């Protein structure tokens, strides 16, 4: 089954700068057309906020100017609520749609340095121009990603590509090119990732297996892919989704597992595989490919492990999250708190603006 990936807008937007007291105000006039407004700042710079017509969900229709390429995630619609034979969790769609909205207002590491994004970030358009090369690079990035942050995985992939291009391989990291390297050479190029010695061996063994048994390409089935060393179900489902447009399962990583449990979407379990099966039992299949980047990005920037940022999360503001800290959600954001949040893995400026708008206009 094919799928449509989240639509990434090519539009580049302009940053909203933080003021000494926090963030600027956005005014919404109900029933009127909202237009582009420019506000002079004290330092002579301009802040641009682009607005649209206010409707049933006023703040959702405000396009906040940011420094990111916006990602559009599909929303849950009425038909999706009756598409599963298994009973769906109460109000799951409200949480899903709210997270989708928030994700459109900040960029997280997974958006440009996640496994599926890395090959196209390093070489824009690679997945369309050279799909076989893309699939192999995706496989390598997935092997590297285990117990490793996206930023570190990305740097390792850059090292591999640069080294092989310097050795005369036009496409950089390809199956044929990596097989010219020794295990020690690969290990040296990926030395910052977790368990790099094992992963160097996995990469070379996988490349050799694919050359001998799969026509030097990545297989199209989960069973075949999980026979490769260092590749588990999560990696396999993501690989066939992005590499072959085959939607056979959900890639459940630590963020998806943690958030699905926290929102009570699945029974309590220590097993990501059980979480995958529980999600697949009720989540409409069209959302399987995008739930991973959607929740991973949210978990990297907003609902981070052991330190949820409920004061910038609209799930807490709207009282949709069963695990939200009400005291933190109701605590005003101070410049010191904003400065601390800005040291995280993604920009939270727009989330502050969204929350301020919600609270000021009581749009919830």
Protein backbone atom coordinates (compact mmCIF):
# COMPACT_ATOMS: atom_id res chain seq x y z
CA UNK A 1 0.00 0.00 0.00
CA UNK A 2 1.38 3.39 -0.94
CA UNK A 3 1.15 6.47 1.24
CA UNK A 4 1.55 10.21 1.04
CA UNK A 5 4.30 11.62 3.21
CA UNK A 6 3.73 14.80 5.24
CA UNK A 7 3.80 17.77 2.90
CA UNK A 8 6.79 20.00 3.49
CA UNK A 9 6.24 23.54 2.30
CA UNK A 10 9.04 25.19 0.37
CA UNK A 11 8.09 28.55 1.84
CA UNK A 12 10.78 30.01 4.07
CA UNK A 13 9.48 32.17 6.86
CA UNK A 14 10.88 34.94 9.01
CA UNK A 15 11.81 34.65 12.68
CA UNK A 16 9.83 36.33 15.44
CA UNK A 17 12.35 37.68 17.92
CA UNK A 18 11.86 37.42 21.67
CA UNK A 19 11.48 40.66 23.57
CA UNK A 20 12.72 41.34 27.08
CA UNK A 21 9.33 40.43 28.50
CA UNK A 22 8.77 37.33 26.39
CA UNK A 23 7.05 37.39 23.01
CA UNK A 24 5.00 39.84 21.01
CA UNK A 25 1.23 39.94 20.99
CA UNK A 26 -1.02 38.68 18.23
CA UNK A 27 -4.50 40.11 17.99
CA UNK A 28 -7.38 38.23 16.42
CA UNK A 29 -10.51 40.06 15.35
CA UNK A 30 -13.29 37.50 15.07
CA UNK A 31 -15.18 37.41 11.78
CA UNK A 32 -12.75 39.72 10.01
CA UNK A 33 -10.13 38.91 7.42
CA UNK A 34 -6.75 38.92 9.02
CA UNK A 35 -3.99 40.50 7.04
CA UNK A 36 -0.24 40.77 7.10
CA UNK A 37 0.89 43.14 9.83
CA UNK A 38 4.31 44.57 10.46
CA UNK A 39 5.26 45.84 13.89
CA UNK A 40 8.27 48.03 14.41
CA UNK A 41 10.54 46.87 17.20
CA UNK A 42 12.61 49.12 19.38
CA UNK A 43 15.83 48.11 17.65
CA UNK A 44 14.48 49.04 14.24
CA UNK A 45 13.84 45.47 13.09
CA UNK A 46 10.45 44.35 11.88
CA UNK A 47 8.43 41.39 13.04
CA UNK A 48 6.01 40.02 10.48
CA UNK A 49 2.98 38.00 11.48
CA UNK A 50 0.89 36.61 8.68
CA UNK A 51 -2.79 36.14 9.49
CA UNK A 52 -5.75 34.52 7.78
CA UNK A 53 -9.48 34.56 8.16
CA UNK A 54 -10.64 33.65 11.67
CA UNK A 55 -13.01 30.74 11.75
CA UNK A 56 -14.03 27.78 13.88
CA UNK A 57 -10.51 27.36 15.24
CA UNK A 58 -9.16 30.90 15.31
CA UNK A 59 -5.66 30.33 16.54
CA UNK A 60 -5.14 27.27 14.37
CA UNK A 61 -5.52 29.47 11.30
CA UNK A 62 -2.80 31.91 12.30
CA UNK A 63 0.37 31.39 10.35
CA UNK A 64 3.17 32.45 12.61
CA UNK A 65 6.29 33.57 10.82
CA UNK A 66 9.18 31.33 11.73
CA UNK A 67 12.57 30.39 10.40
CA UNK A 68 11.51 26.89 9.37
CA UNK A 69 10.10 25.14 6.34
CA UNK A 70 6.62 24.25 7.54
CA UNK A 71 5.55 20.61 7.59
CA UNK A 72 1.86 19.93 7.02
CA UNK A 73 0.55 16.85 8.81
CA UNK A 74 -2.80 15.31 7.91
CA UNK A 75 -5.61 15.89 10.38
CA UNK A 76 -7.99 13.28 11.73
CA UNK A 77 -11.41 13.69 10.15
CA UNK A 78 -14.85 12.31 11.03
CA UNK A 79 -14.46 9.28 8.79
CA UNK A 80 -11.30 8.23 10.61
CA UNK A 81 -13.20 7.77 13.85
CA UNK A 82 -15.20 4.82 12.54
CA UNK A 83 -12.60 3.22 10.29
CA UNK A 84 -11.31 0.73 12.86
CA UNK A 85 -13.01 -2.40 14.12
CA UNK A 86 -11.25 -2.00 17.46
CA UNK A 87 -12.48 0.63 19.90
CA UNK A 88 -10.40 3.77 19.66
CA UNK A 89 -9.15 5.63 22.76
CA UNK A 90 -11.35 8.47 23.93
CA UNK A 91 -10.46 11.84 22.38
CA UNK A 92 -7.34 10.44 20.70
CA UNK A 93 -8.09 12.51 17.62
CA UNK A 94 -8.08 15.75 19.63
CA UNK A 95 -4.60 15.00 20.91
CA UNK A 96 -3.38 13.89 17.48
CA UNK A 97 -4.69 17.00 15.72
CA UNK A 98 -3.33 19.31 18.41
CA UNK A 99 0.12 17.76 18.17
CA UNK A 100 -0.06 18.05 14.37
CA UNK A 101 -0.80 21.75 14.74
CA UNK A 102 2.07 22.32 17.15
CA UNK A 103 4.48 20.40 14.93
CA UNK A 104 3.78 22.82 12.10
CA UNK A 105 5.13 25.64 14.24
CA UNK A 106 8.56 24.35 15.17
CA UNK A 107 11.35 22.37 13.60
CA UNK A 108 12.83 19.43 15.48
CA UNK A 109 16.00 17.42 14.82
CA UNK A 110 14.01 14.60 13.21
CA UNK A 111 12.77 16.95 10.48
CA UNK A 112 16.21 17.40 8.91
CA UNK A 113 18.45 14.93 10.76
CA UNK A 114 16.10 12.01 11.29
CA UNK A 115 16.95 8.82 9.42
CA UNK A 116 14.49 9.34 6.57
CA UNK A 117 15.57 12.97 6.15
CA UNK A 118 19.35 12.65 6.32
CA UNK A 119 20.02 11.48 2.72
CA UNK A 120 17.91 14.30 1.27
CA UNK A 121 19.37 16.86 3.69
CA UNK A 122 22.90 15.95 2.61
CA UNK A 123 21.93 15.77 -1.05
CA UNK A 124 18.56 17.41 -1.80
CA UNK A 125 16.33 15.33 -4.06
CA UNK A 126 18.33 12.11 -3.67
CA UNK A 127 15.26 9.95 -2.96
CA UNK A 128 13.76 10.94 -6.32
CA UNK A 129 16.93 11.14 -8.40
CA UNK A 130 18.59 7.95 -7.17
CA UNK A 131 16.14 5.86 -5.13
CA UNK A 132 18.46 2.86 -4.78
CA UNK A 133 21.20 5.06 -3.30
CA UNK A 134 18.61 6.70 -1.03
CA UNK A 135 17.41 3.32 0.24
CA UNK A 136 20.93 2.18 1.11
CA UNK A 137 21.72 5.46 2.86
CA UNK A 138 18.44 5.18 4.75
CA UNK A 139 19.40 1.67 5.85
CA UNK A 140 22.79 2.86 7.09
CA UNK A 141 21.28 5.84 8.92
CA UNK A 142 18.78 3.52 10.64
CA UNK A 143 21.55 1.17 11.76
CA UNK A 144 23.50 4.13 13.13
CA UNK A 145 20.47 5.64 14.87
CA UNK A 146 19.98 2.99 17.54
CA UNK A 147 20.56 4.59 20.98
CA UNK A 148 22.00 7.65 19.25
CA UNK A 149 20.65 11.18 18.90
CA UNK A 150 19.65 12.34 15.43
CA UNK A 151 22.30 15.05 15.45
CA UNK A 152 25.07 12.51 16.04
CA UNK A 153 23.67 10.12 13.43
CA UNK A 154 23.58 12.99 10.92
CA UNK A 155 27.23 13.90 11.52
CA UNK A 156 28.28 10.28 11.07
CA UNK A 157 26.41 10.11 7.76
CA UNK A 158 28.09 13.33 6.63
CA UNK A 159 31.48 11.84 7.50
CA UNK A 160 30.78 8.68 5.49
CA UNK A 161 29.53 10.61 2.47
CA UNK A 162 32.41 13.09 2.44
CA UNK A 163 35.06 10.42 2.87
CA UNK A 164 33.71 8.31 0.03
CA UNK A 165 33.25 11.31 -2.27
CA UNK A 166 36.85 12.30 -1.55
CA UNK A 167 37.84 8.81 -2.68
CA UNK A 168 36.18 9.37 -6.04
CA UNK A 169 32.70 7.96 -5.53
CA UNK A 170 30.35 10.52 -7.08
CA UNK A 171 27.31 9.42 -5.06
CA UNK A 172 29.20 9.20 -1.79
CA UNK A 173 27.77 6.52 0.47
CA UNK A 174 26.61 3.68 -1.75
CA UNK A 175 26.67 -0.07 -1.26
CA UNK A 176 29.51 -0.48 -3.73
CA UNK A 177 31.51 2.37 -2.21
CA UNK A 178 31.25 1.30 1.42
CA UNK A 179 32.47 -2.19 0.56
CA UNK A 180 35.83 -0.65 -0.41
CA UNK A 181 36.35 0.38 3.22
CA UNK A 182 37.73 -1.70 6.06
CA UNK A 183 35.78 -2.15 9.26
CA UNK A 184 38.33 0.04 11.05
CA UNK A 185 37.83 2.83 8.51
CA UNK A 186 34.05 2.75 8.90
CA UNK A 187 34.43 2.67 12.68
CA UNK A 188 36.63 5.75 12.61
CA UNK A 189 34.08 7.69 10.56
CA UNK A 190 31.16 6.83 12.87
CA UNK A 191 33.04 6.87 16.18
CA UNK A 192 30.63 9.28 17.90
CA UNK A 193 27.53 7.07 17.59
CA UNK A 194 26.58 4.58 20.27
CA UNK A 195 28.06 1.08 19.86
CA UNK A 196 30.03 2.28 16.83
CA UNK A 197 32.25 -0.80 16.60
CA UNK A 198 29.29 -3.15 16.33
CA UNK A 199 27.55 -0.83 13.88
CA UNK A 200 30.61 -0.64 11.62
CA UNK A 201 30.48 -4.43 11.35
CA UNK A 202 26.69 -4.37 10.80
CA UNK A 203 27.00 -1.89 7.93
CA UNK A 204 29.64 -3.88 6.07
CA UNK A 205 27.93 -7.23 6.66
CA UNK A 206 24.57 -5.83 5.52
CA UNK A 207 26.14 -4.38 2.37
CA UNK A 208 27.79 -7.72 1.56
CA UNK A 209 24.53 -9.62 2.12
CA UNK A 210 22.57 -7.24 -0.11
CA UNK A 211 25.18 -7.51 -2.85
CA UNK A 212 25.05 -11.31 -2.79
CA UNK A 213 21.33 -11.93 -2.28
CA UNK A 214 19.27 -8.85 -3.17
CA UNK A 215 20.78 -7.43 -6.33
CA UNK A 216 22.58 -4.70 -4.36
CA UNK A 217 19.30 -3.13 -3.27
CA UNK A 218 17.29 -3.04 -0.06
CA UNK A 219 14.53 -5.70 0.07
CA UNK A 220 10.85 -4.77 0.10
CA UNK A 221 9.69 -6.95 3.01
CA UNK A 222 10.10 -6.64 6.76
CA UNK A 223 11.08 -10.30 7.06
CA UNK A 224 13.99 -9.91 4.64
CA UNK A 225 15.16 -6.62 6.12
CA UNK A 226 15.13 -7.84 9.73
CA UNK A 227 17.47 -10.66 8.71
CA UNK A 228 20.17 -8.04 8.23
CA UNK A 229 22.46 -7.56 11.25
CA UNK A 230 21.51 -4.67 13.52
CA UNK A 231 18.08 -4.11 11.96
CA UNK A 232 14.90 -4.52 14.02
CA UNK A 233 11.16 -4.16 13.25
CA UNK A 234 11.03 -0.39 13.82
CA UNK A 235 13.82 0.18 11.32
CA UNK A 236 12.30 -2.23 8.82
CA UNK A 237 8.86 -0.61 8.83
CA UNK A 238 10.37 2.86 8.41
CA UNK A 239 12.64 1.58 5.66
CA UNK A 240 9.91 0.09 3.50
CA UNK A 241 7.63 3.09 4.12
CA UNK A 242 10.17 5.66 3.00
CA UNK A 243 12.22 3.54 0.64
CA UNK A 244 9.47 1.61 -1.13
CA UNK A 245 6.22 3.45 -0.28
CA UNK A 246 4.91 0.27 1.37
CA UNK A 247 2.77 0.90 4.44
CA UNK A 248 2.84 -2.35 6.42
CA UNK A 249 3.39 -1.14 9.98
CA UNK A 250 4.27 1.65 12.41
CA UNK A 251 7.85 2.45 13.33
CA UNK A 252 7.74 2.70 17.13
CA UNK A 253 10.78 4.28 18.74
CA UNK A 254 11.25 5.42 22.35
CA UNK A 255 9.27 8.65 21.80
CA UNK A 256 6.29 6.99 20.13
CA UNK A 257 6.29 4.27 22.80
CA UNK A 258 6.50 6.77 25.67
CA UNK A 259 3.87 9.20 24.39
CA UNK A 260 1.38 6.52 23.38
CA UNK A 261 1.60 5.13 26.91
CA UNK A 262 1.38 8.55 28.53
CA UNK A 263 -1.79 9.45 26.59
CA UNK A 264 -3.27 6.02 27.39
CA UNK A 265 -3.55 5.08 23.76
CA UNK A 266 -2.12 1.63 24.46
CA UNK A 267 -1.89 -0.71 27.48
CA UNK A 268 1.07 -0.31 29.80
CA UNK A 269 4.06 -2.24 28.53
CA UNK A 270 7.85 -2.12 28.42
CA UNK A 271 7.82 -3.40 24.84
CA UNK A 272 7.78 -1.04 21.84
CA UNK A 273 6.68 -4.03 19.75
CA UNK A 274 3.54 -4.44 21.89
CA UNK A 275 2.90 -0.72 21.54
CA UNK A 276 3.19 -1.07 17.77
CA UNK A 277 0.64 -3.87 17.65
CA UNK A 278 -1.73 -2.02 19.98
CA UNK A 279 -1.54 1.17 17.90
CA UNK A 280 -2.04 -0.69 14.64
CA UNK A 281 -5.19 -2.28 16.06
CA UNK A 282 -7.07 1.04 16.03
CA UNK A 283 -5.08 3.83 14.36
CA UNK A 284 -6.32 4.40 10.78
CA UNK A 285 -3.70 3.05 8.40
CA UNK A 286 -3.23 6.32 6.56
CA UNK A 287 -1.61 7.75 9.71
CA UNK A 288 0.89 4.92 10.16
CA UNK A 289 3.72 6.48 8.12
CA UNK A 290 3.55 9.94 9.68
CA UNK A 291 2.90 9.15 13.35
CA UNK A 292 6.61 8.43 13.84
CA UNK A 293 8.05 11.80 12.72
CA UNK A 294 5.03 13.58 14.23
CA UNK A 295 5.53 12.18 17.73
CA UNK A 296 9.32 11.94 17.59
CA UNK A 297 9.60 15.66 16.87
CA UNK A 298 7.10 16.46 19.62
CA UNK A 299 9.03 14.29 22.06
CA UNK A 300 12.37 15.84 21.12
CA UNK A 301 11.30 19.45 21.65
CA UNK A 302 8.12 19.73 23.74
CA UNK A 303 7.33 16.63 25.79
CA UNK A 304 10.91 15.66 26.48
CA UNK A 305 11.71 12.64 28.69
CA UNK A 306 11.75 13.37 32.42
CA UNK A 307 11.09 17.09 31.87
CA UNK A 308 7.79 17.78 30.17
CA UNK A 309 7.39 21.39 29.09
CA UNK A 310 3.69 21.71 29.89
CA UNK A 311 3.99 25.51 30.03
CA UNK A 312 4.50 25.67 26.24
CA UNK A 313 2.27 22.73 25.28
CA UNK A 314 -1.23 23.48 24.03
CA UNK A 315 -2.32 19.99 25.09
CA UNK A 316 -1.86 21.18 28.67
CA UNK A 317 -3.46 24.56 28.01
CA UNK A 318 -6.51 22.85 26.51
CA UNK A 319 -6.52 20.15 29.20
CA UNK A 320 -6.27 17.36 26.66
CA UNK A 321 -3.27 15.56 28.14
CA UNK A 322 -4.07 13.24 31.07
CA UNK A 323 -0.51 13.52 32.37
CA UNK A 324 -0.04 17.29 32.13
CA UNK A 325 1.17 19.27 35.11
CA UNK A 326 -1.56 21.82 35.78
CA UNK A 327 0.70 23.86 38.04
CA UNK A 328 3.38 24.13 35.36
CA UNK A 329 0.83 24.81 32.63
CA UNK A 330 -0.60 27.71 34.66
CA UNK A 331 2.77 29.22 35.54
CA UNK A 332 3.54 32.38 33.53
CA UNK A 333 6.59 32.15 31.31
CA UNK A 334 9.44 34.36 32.48
CA UNK A 335 12.39 35.51 30.37
CA UNK A 336 14.64 33.14 32.35
CA UNK A 337 12.32 30.21 31.66
CA UNK A 338 12.16 31.06 27.96
CA UNK A 339 15.95 31.33 27.81
CA UNK A 340 16.21 27.87 29.37
CA UNK A 341 13.69 26.40 26.94
CA UNK A 342 15.56 27.95 24.02
CA UNK A 343 18.57 25.81 24.92
CA UNK A 344 16.61 22.71 23.95
CA UNK A 345 16.69 20.83 20.64
CA UNK A 346 14.26 23.07 18.74
CA UNK A 347 12.83 26.58 18.69
CA UNK A 348 9.89 27.04 21.07
CA UNK A 349 9.12 30.66 20.15
CA UNK A 350 5.98 29.90 18.21
CA UNK A 351 4.62 27.60 20.92
CA UNK A 352 4.97 30.44 23.41
CA UNK A 353 3.08 32.68 21.02
CA UNK A 354 0.34 30.09 20.48
CA UNK A 355 -0.12 29.57 24.20
CA UNK A 356 -0.22 33.30 24.88
CA UNK A 357 -2.88 33.66 22.21
CA UNK A 358 -4.93 30.82 23.67
CA UNK A 359 -4.82 32.24 27.16
CA UNK A 360 -5.42 35.86 26.18
CA UNK A 361 -8.34 35.13 23.86
CA UNK A 362 -9.58 32.03 25.70
CA UNK A 363 -9.77 30.13 22.43
CA UNK A 364 -10.26 26.76 24.09
